[in-house]
Amino acid sequence: MEKLSLLGSGPRVVTERLVLRPPKLSDWEAWAELRSDSRDFLVPWEPIWTIDSLSKANFRARLRRYAREVKDDLGQAFFIFNQENHDLIGGITLGNIRRGVAQTGTLGYWTGQRHARQGYMYEALCGLIPALFDEFGLRRVEAACLPSNIPSSRLLEKVGFTKEGLAREYLCINGVWHDHLLYAILNSDPVPPK
């Protein structure tokens, strides 16, 4: 299997309205503004935000971590941009890649509040998932969400993921360990068209 691309020069996925590409340092201002504006919308579903979560230094450290994950074939990050006006819409991370007999990775995703409920994440996932199977050689892609996050559950099911069960105290979200619904999609499962 080929390793994932190096950060900044990485894979691009283009859909009808969107461009997905790896983040770069020049994205910091748009990222910080969108996440700041969306803070109340995102906090219930994410790990604790530190006092410097949106700082340029924190973003630079995040990019270094993404680059290490790419280099070690453990993950790939994508930012989602509107093709027409180049606005940052959100992000998707592929992490926890297991090669060998597993060929599996785990997806995480977020959308800025002002872009929510417009079909952007659905379009982004429908465009990205075939690339994860075809270009990155994955056989299975997993995702998890809080049982109370009905929009995320519906999104995963609409994209073609199958609910596989409940993982007790799976992730620490906003400082508390929570159960999560586990979802997966296989390379043999149908994916809706982009």
Protein backbone atom coordinates (compact mmCIF):
# COMPACT_ATOMS: atom_id res chain seq x y z
CA MET A 1 0.00 0.00 0.00
CA GLU A 2 1.17 3.51 -0.75
CA LYS A 3 1.71 5.90 2.10
CA LEU A 4 -0.53 8.91 2.29
CA SER A 5 0.81 12.11 0.80
CA LEU A 6 2.97 14.62 2.60
CA LEU A 7 1.05 17.52 4.08
CA GLY A 8 0.47 20.47 1.78
CA SER A 9 1.13 18.53 -1.39
CA GLY A 10 -1.48 15.94 -0.63
CA PRO A 11 -4.54 14.55 -2.26
CA ARG A 12 -7.32 16.76 -3.52
CA VAL A 13 -10.91 15.67 -3.93
CA VAL A 14 -13.20 17.81 -6.05
CA THR A 15 -16.98 17.50 -5.97
CA GLU A 16 -19.71 19.58 -7.56
CA ARG A 17 -19.43 22.42 -5.00
CA LEU A 18 -16.36 21.57 -2.94
CA VAL A 19 -12.61 21.10 -2.88
CA LEU A 20 -11.06 18.94 -0.17
CA ARG A 21 -7.33 19.35 0.38
CA PRO A 22 -4.79 19.07 3.19
CA PRO A 23 -4.59 22.13 5.45
CA LYS A 24 -1.67 24.53 5.30
CA LEU A 25 -0.44 27.34 7.53
CA SER A 26 -2.07 30.04 5.40
CA ASP A 27 -5.47 28.52 6.35
CA TRP A 28 -5.03 29.48 10.01
CA GLU A 29 -7.03 32.75 10.00
CA ALA A 30 -10.03 31.28 8.18
CA TRP A 31 -9.90 28.18 10.42
CA ALA A 32 -9.64 30.18 13.65
CA GLU A 33 -12.45 32.53 12.63
CA LEU A 34 -14.81 29.73 11.57
CA ARG A 35 -14.13 27.68 14.70
CA SER A 36 -14.45 30.74 16.95
CA ASP A 37 -17.78 31.69 15.36
CA SER A 38 -18.93 28.04 15.72
CA ARG A 39 -17.63 27.41 19.23
CA ASP A 40 -21.01 26.87 20.94
CA PHE A 41 -22.12 24.69 18.03
CA LEU A 42 -18.99 22.46 18.16
CA VAL A 43 -18.11 22.21 21.87
CA PRO A 44 -20.77 19.60 22.77
CA TRP A 45 -19.27 17.14 20.25
CA GLU A 46 -15.51 17.69 20.69
CA PRO A 47 -12.69 17.26 23.22
CA ILE A 48 -12.11 20.16 25.62
CA TRP A 49 -11.01 23.38 23.94
CA THR A 50 -7.91 24.75 25.64
CA ILE A 51 -7.36 28.47 26.22
CA ASP A 52 -5.07 28.57 23.16
CA SER A 53 -7.07 26.20 20.94
CA LEU A 54 -7.41 28.76 18.16
CA SER A 55 -3.92 30.29 18.38
CA LYS A 56 -1.53 30.24 15.43
CA ALA A 57 0.98 28.29 17.55
CA ASN A 58 -1.64 25.65 18.31
CA PHE A 59 -2.58 25.46 14.61
CA ARG A 60 1.09 25.10 13.66
CA ALA A 61 1.43 22.23 16.18
CA ARG A 62 -1.69 20.64 14.70
CA LEU A 63 -0.14 20.82 11.22
CA ARG A 64 3.07 19.21 12.52
CA ARG A 65 1.00 16.38 14.04
CA TYR A 66 -0.87 15.92 10.76
CA ALA A 67 2.47 15.83 8.89
CA ARG A 68 3.84 13.14 11.25
CA GLU A 69 0.68 11.07 10.78
CA VAL A 70 1.00 11.35 7.00
CA LYS A 71 4.71 10.46 7.12
CA ASP A 72 4.01 7.43 9.32
CA ASP A 73 0.98 6.39 7.21
CA LEU A 74 -1.35 6.85 10.17
CA GLY A 75 -3.66 9.60 8.93
CA GLN A 76 -4.57 12.42 6.58
CA ALA A 77 -6.38 15.68 7.25
CA PHE A 78 -8.60 17.53 4.77
CA PHE A 79 -10.10 20.99 4.88
CA ILE A 80 -13.31 21.51 2.93
CA PHE A 81 -13.62 24.63 0.80
CA ASN A 82 -16.43 26.06 -1.28
CA GLN A 83 -15.23 25.95 -4.91
CA GLU A 84 -17.00 29.17 -5.83
CA ASN A 85 -15.96 31.59 -3.07
CA HIS A 86 -13.12 29.55 -1.43
CA ASP A 87 -14.73 29.81 2.03
CA LEU A 88 -13.59 27.21 4.55
CA ILE A 89 -16.58 25.03 5.42
CA GLY A 90 -15.12 22.43 7.80
CA GLY A 91 -12.73 19.55 8.01
CA ILE A 92 -12.37 15.77 7.87
CA THR A 93 -9.61 13.74 9.43
CA LEU A 94 -8.74 10.17 8.62
CA GLY A 95 -6.83 8.74 11.56
CA ASN A 96 -5.89 5.57 13.35
CA ILE A 97 -4.99 3.85 10.08
CA ARG A 98 -4.24 0.17 10.58
CA ARG A 99 -2.56 -1.56 7.66
CA GLY A 100 -1.75 -5.24 7.30
CA VAL A 101 -4.74 -7.48 7.82
CA ALA A 102 -7.02 -4.55 8.81
CA GLN A 103 -6.65 -1.86 6.07
CA THR A 104 -8.92 0.33 8.19
CA GLY A 105 -9.07 3.99 9.25
CA THR A 106 -11.32 6.17 11.38
CA LEU A 107 -13.04 9.37 10.22
CA GLY A 108 -13.74 12.47 12.24
CA TYR A 109 -15.42 15.58 10.82
CA TRP A 110 -16.74 19.01 11.68
CA THR A 111 -18.67 21.76 9.92
CA GLY A 112 -18.74 25.45 10.78
CA GLN A 113 -22.16 26.45 12.11
CA ARG A 114 -22.95 28.87 9.28
CA HIS A 115 -22.40 26.04 6.77
CA ALA A 116 -24.37 23.35 8.62
CA ARG A 117 -27.47 21.71 7.15
CA GLN A 118 -26.58 22.64 3.57
CA GLY A 119 -25.44 19.19 2.44
CA TYR A 120 -21.74 20.10 2.39
CA MET A 121 -20.51 17.31 4.68
CA TYR A 122 -22.65 14.76 2.85
CA GLU A 123 -21.12 15.88 -0.45
CA ALA A 124 -17.61 15.90 1.02
CA LEU A 125 -17.92 12.38 2.46
CA CYS A 126 -19.46 11.01 -0.74
CA GLY A 127 -16.49 12.44 -2.64
CA LEU A 128 -13.82 11.35 -0.17
CA ILE A 129 -14.83 7.80 0.71
CA PRO A 130 -14.23 6.32 -2.77
CA ALA A 131 -10.76 7.92 -2.73
CA LEU A 132 -10.03 6.33 0.65
CA PHE A 133 -10.82 2.94 -0.83
CA ASP A 134 -9.33 3.40 -4.31
CA GLU A 135 -6.31 5.64 -3.73
CA PHE A 136 -5.40 4.86 -0.12
CA GLY A 137 -6.15 1.14 -0.27
CA LEU A 138 -8.48 1.03 2.71
CA ARG A 139 -10.99 -1.79 2.95
CA ARG A 140 -13.02 -0.37 5.83
CA VAL A 141 -13.66 3.13 7.16
CA GLU A 142 -15.06 3.65 10.65
CA ALA A 143 -16.76 6.60 12.34
CA ALA A 144 -18.38 7.19 15.72
CA CYS A 145 -20.80 9.73 17.15
CA LEU A 146 -22.61 10.44 20.36
CA PRO A 147 -26.05 8.79 20.48
CA SER A 148 -27.56 12.26 21.05
CA ASN A 149 -25.97 13.61 17.85
CA ILE A 150 -28.90 12.69 15.61
CA PRO A 151 -27.71 14.82 12.64
CA SER A 152 -24.35 12.99 12.61
CA SER A 153 -26.03 9.56 12.84
CA ARG A 154 -28.34 10.44 9.98
CA LEU A 155 -25.46 11.77 7.90
CA LEU A 156 -23.42 8.58 8.30
CA GLU A 157 -26.39 6.39 7.43
CA LYS A 158 -27.24 8.55 4.40
CA VAL A 159 -23.65 8.25 3.14
CA GLY A 160 -23.85 4.44 3.42
CA PHE A 161 -22.34 3.63 6.82
CA THR A 162 -23.86 0.79 8.83
CA LYS A 163 -24.44 1.12 12.57
CA GLU A 164 -22.47 -1.69 14.21
CA GLY A 165 -23.08 -1.09 17.89
CA LEU A 166 -22.46 0.98 20.98
CA ALA A 167 -19.00 1.45 22.48
CA ARG A 168 -19.14 2.29 26.18
CA GLU A 169 -17.14 5.34 27.30
CA TYR A 170 -15.50 5.40 23.88
CA LEU A 171 -14.23 9.00 23.75
CA CYS A 172 -13.74 11.90 26.14
CA ILE A 173 -15.93 14.71 24.80
CA ASN A 174 -15.89 18.13 26.43
CA GLY A 175 -14.18 16.59 29.47
CA VAL A 176 -16.56 13.66 30.02
CA TRP A 177 -16.24 10.02 28.86
CA HIS A 178 -19.20 9.19 26.61
CA ASP A 179 -20.66 6.14 24.94
CA HIS A 180 -20.59 6.35 21.13
CA LEU A 181 -22.47 4.72 18.30
CA LEU A 182 -20.02 2.91 16.02
CA TYR A 183 -20.44 2.99 12.26
CA ALA A 184 -18.46 1.51 9.38
CA ILE A 185 -18.53 1.37 5.61
CA LEU A 186 -16.74 -1.29 3.55
CA ASN A 187 -15.22 -0.90 0.11
CA SER A 188 -17.91 -3.31 -1.13
CA ASP A 189 -20.77 -1.17 0.21
CA PRO A 190 -22.52 1.24 -2.15
CA VAL A 191 -21.68 4.92 -1.69
CA PRO A 192 -24.16 7.53 -2.95
CA PRO A 193 -22.87 9.50 -5.95
CA LYS A 194 -21.07 12.81 -5.27
